[in-house]
Amino acid sequence: MKYFIYLLIIVASSLILYNATVLDFNNLLEGDSKTALISILASACVVVLLFILLVSRAIQQKRGNR
């Protein structure tokens, strides 16, 4: 499961990088830039949530699975 979470983090990070190339900084809220900006924010949320999941699983293992 840990490797699957790492894979998802890599996929979400690559989506952030790809969508960053699509951005037009002159018109951020128009056309494809708007979609890319929303996708960057969504992927960033996924990365944060997956890191929280990893930390919570590590804490759970250290506590002894009560």
N, C-alpha and C. Protein backbone atom coordinates (compact mmCIF):
# COMPACT_ATOMS: atom_id res chain seq x y z
N MET A 1 0.83 -1.19 0.00
CA MET A 1 0.00 0.00 0.00
C MET A 1 0.87 1.25 0.00
N LYS A 2 2.02 1.18 0.71
CA LYS A 2 2.89 2.34 0.79
C LYS A 2 3.43 2.71 -0.58
N TYR A 3 3.77 1.72 -1.39
CA TYR A 3 4.31 1.98 -2.72
C TYR A 3 3.24 2.56 -3.64
N PHE A 4 2.00 2.13 -3.46
CA PHE A 4 0.89 2.68 -4.25
C PHE A 4 0.68 4.16 -3.92
N ILE A 5 0.81 4.50 -2.65
CA ILE A 5 0.67 5.91 -2.24
C ILE A 5 1.80 6.73 -2.85
N TYR A 6 3.02 6.20 -2.83
CA TYR A 6 4.13 6.91 -3.46
C TYR A 6 3.91 7.08 -4.96
N LEU A 7 3.36 6.06 -5.61
CA LEU A 7 3.05 6.15 -7.03
C LEU A 7 2.03 7.26 -7.29
N LEU A 8 1.00 7.34 -6.46
CA LEU A 8 0.00 8.39 -6.62
C LEU A 8 0.60 9.77 -6.40
N ILE A 9 1.54 9.89 -5.47
CA ILE A 9 2.20 11.17 -5.25
C ILE A 9 3.01 11.57 -6.48
N ILE A 10 3.69 10.62 -7.09
CA ILE A 10 4.48 10.90 -8.29
C ILE A 10 3.57 11.31 -9.45
N VAL A 11 2.44 10.62 -9.61
CA VAL A 11 1.50 10.95 -10.68
C VAL A 11 0.92 12.35 -10.47
N ALA A 12 0.53 12.66 -9.24
CA ALA A 12 -0.03 13.99 -8.96
C ALA A 12 1.02 15.08 -9.17
N SER A 13 2.25 14.81 -8.79
CA SER A 13 3.32 15.79 -8.99
C SER A 13 3.60 16.01 -10.47
N SER A 14 3.56 14.94 -11.25
CA SER A 14 3.77 15.09 -12.68
C SER A 14 2.62 15.86 -13.33
N LEU A 15 1.41 15.68 -12.82
CA LEU A 15 0.28 16.47 -13.34
C LEU A 15 0.44 17.95 -13.01
N ILE A 16 0.99 18.25 -11.84
CA ILE A 16 1.26 19.64 -11.49
C ILE A 16 2.26 20.23 -12.47
N LEU A 17 3.33 19.49 -12.75
CA LEU A 17 4.35 19.99 -13.68
C LEU A 17 3.80 20.17 -15.09
N TYR A 18 3.01 19.21 -15.55
CA TYR A 18 2.43 19.32 -16.89
C TYR A 18 1.49 20.51 -16.98
N ASN A 19 0.62 20.67 -16.01
CA ASN A 19 -0.33 21.77 -16.05
C ASN A 19 0.34 23.12 -15.89
N ALA A 20 1.49 23.15 -15.24
CA ALA A 20 2.24 24.40 -15.12
C ALA A 20 2.75 24.86 -16.48
N THR A 21 3.00 23.91 -17.39
CA THR A 21 3.45 24.29 -18.73
C THR A 21 2.31 24.85 -19.58
N VAL A 22 1.08 24.53 -19.22
CA VAL A 22 -0.09 24.99 -19.98
C VAL A 22 -0.50 26.40 -19.58
N LEU A 23 -0.11 26.84 -18.41
CA LEU A 23 -0.54 28.14 -17.90
C LEU A 23 -0.08 29.29 -18.78
N ASP A 24 -0.98 30.24 -18.99
CA ASP A 24 -0.66 31.50 -19.65
C ASP A 24 -0.77 32.57 -18.57
N PHE A 25 0.38 33.10 -18.15
CA PHE A 25 0.40 34.00 -16.99
C PHE A 25 -0.23 35.36 -17.29
N ASN A 26 -0.45 35.68 -18.55
CA ASN A 26 -1.13 36.93 -18.88
C ASN A 26 -2.64 36.82 -18.68
N ASN A 27 -3.18 35.63 -18.91
CA ASN A 27 -4.63 35.39 -18.75
C ASN A 27 -4.83 34.13 -17.92
N LEU A 28 -4.63 34.23 -16.62
CA LEU A 28 -4.71 33.04 -15.78
C LEU A 28 -6.12 32.47 -15.66
N LEU A 29 -7.11 33.31 -15.72
CA LEU A 29 -8.49 32.84 -15.48
C LEU A 29 -9.31 32.75 -16.75
N GLU A 30 -8.66 32.49 -17.88
CA GLU A 30 -9.37 32.35 -19.14
C GLU A 30 -8.90 31.11 -19.88
N GLY A 31 -9.85 30.39 -20.46
CA GLY A 31 -9.54 29.27 -21.34
C GLY A 31 -8.84 28.12 -20.66
N ASP A 32 -7.78 27.62 -21.36
CA ASP A 32 -7.04 26.46 -20.86
C ASP A 32 -6.27 26.77 -19.58
N SER A 33 -5.91 28.02 -19.37
CA SER A 33 -5.19 28.38 -18.16
C SER A 33 -6.05 28.18 -16.93
N LYS A 34 -7.32 28.47 -17.05
CA LYS A 34 -8.24 28.28 -15.92
C LYS A 34 -8.33 26.80 -15.55
N THR A 35 -8.44 25.95 -16.56
CA THR A 35 -8.51 24.51 -16.32
C THR A 35 -7.20 24.00 -15.72
N ALA A 36 -6.08 24.49 -16.23
CA ALA A 36 -4.78 24.07 -15.71
C ALA A 36 -4.59 24.53 -14.27
N LEU A 37 -5.05 25.73 -13.95
CA LEU A 37 -4.93 26.25 -12.59
C LEU A 37 -5.75 25.42 -11.61
N ILE A 38 -6.96 25.06 -12.01
CA ILE A 38 -7.81 24.22 -11.17
C ILE A 38 -7.18 22.84 -10.99
N SER A 39 -6.60 22.30 -12.06
CA SER A 39 -5.95 20.99 -11.97
C SER A 39 -4.72 21.02 -11.08
N ILE A 40 -3.97 22.12 -11.12
CA ILE A 40 -2.80 22.27 -10.25
C ILE A 40 -3.24 22.29 -8.79
N LEU A 41 -4.28 23.05 -8.49
CA LEU A 41 -4.77 23.12 -7.11
C LEU A 41 -5.29 21.76 -6.64
N ALA A 42 -6.01 21.06 -7.51
CA ALA A 42 -6.54 19.75 -7.13
C ALA A 42 -5.41 18.74 -6.91
N SER A 43 -4.41 18.76 -7.76
CA SER A 43 -3.28 17.85 -7.60
C SER A 43 -2.48 18.17 -6.35
N ALA A 44 -2.34 19.44 -6.03
CA ALA A 44 -1.64 19.83 -4.81
C ALA A 44 -2.39 19.34 -3.57
N CYS A 45 -3.71 19.42 -3.61
CA CYS A 45 -4.52 18.89 -2.50
C CYS A 45 -4.33 17.39 -2.35
N VAL A 46 -4.26 16.68 -3.46
CA VAL A 46 -4.06 15.23 -3.43
C VAL A 46 -2.71 14.90 -2.80
N VAL A 47 -1.67 15.64 -3.19
CA VAL A 47 -0.34 15.40 -2.63
C VAL A 47 -0.34 15.63 -1.12
N VAL A 48 -0.95 16.71 -0.67
CA VAL A 48 -1.01 17.01 0.76
C VAL A 48 -1.77 15.92 1.51
N LEU A 49 -2.90 15.51 0.97
CA LEU A 49 -3.69 14.47 1.64
C LEU A 49 -2.95 13.13 1.69
N LEU A 50 -2.22 12.80 0.65
CA LEU A 50 -1.46 11.55 0.66
C LEU A 50 -0.31 11.60 1.66
N PHE A 51 0.34 12.76 1.80
CA PHE A 51 1.37 12.87 2.82
C PHE A 51 0.77 12.76 4.21
N ILE A 52 -0.40 13.32 4.43
CA ILE A 52 -1.08 13.17 5.71
C ILE A 52 -1.40 11.70 5.97
N LEU A 53 -1.83 10.99 4.93
CA LEU A 53 -2.12 9.57 5.07
C LEU A 53 -0.86 8.79 5.45
N LEU A 54 0.26 9.10 4.82
CA LEU A 54 1.51 8.42 5.14
C LEU A 54 1.92 8.67 6.59
N VAL A 55 1.80 9.90 7.04
CA VAL A 55 2.17 10.24 8.42
C VAL A 55 1.24 9.56 9.40
N SER A 56 -0.04 9.53 9.12
CA SER A 56 -0.99 8.90 10.04
C SER A 56 -0.77 7.39 10.11
N ARG A 57 -0.41 6.77 8.99
CA ARG A 57 -0.11 5.33 9.00
C ARG A 57 1.15 5.04 9.81
N ALA A 58 2.14 5.92 9.70
CA ALA A 58 3.38 5.73 10.47
C ALA A 58 3.11 5.88 11.96
N ILE A 59 2.29 6.85 12.33
CA ILE A 59 1.93 7.03 13.74
C ILE A 59 1.15 5.83 14.25
N GLN A 60 0.25 5.32 13.45
CA GLN A 60 -0.54 4.16 13.83
C GLN A 60 0.35 2.94 14.06
N GLN A 61 1.35 2.75 13.22
CA GLN A 61 2.25 1.62 13.40
C GLN A 61 3.11 1.78 14.65
N LYS A 62 3.52 3.00 14.97
CA LYS A 62 4.33 3.22 16.15
C LYS A 62 3.54 3.04 17.45
N ARG A 63 2.24 3.33 17.40
CA ARG A 63 1.41 3.19 18.59
C ARG A 63 1.06 1.73 18.87
N GLY A 64 1.27 0.85 17.93
CA GLY A 64 1.03 -0.56 18.18
C GLY A 64 -0.32 -1.05 17.72
N ASN A 65 -0.99 -0.34 16.81
CA ASN A 65 -2.27 -0.77 16.24
C ASN A 65 -3.31 -1.06 17.32
N ARG A 66 -3.52 -0.15 18.22
CA ARG A 66 -4.49 -0.34 19.31
C ARG A 66 -5.88 -0.49 18.81
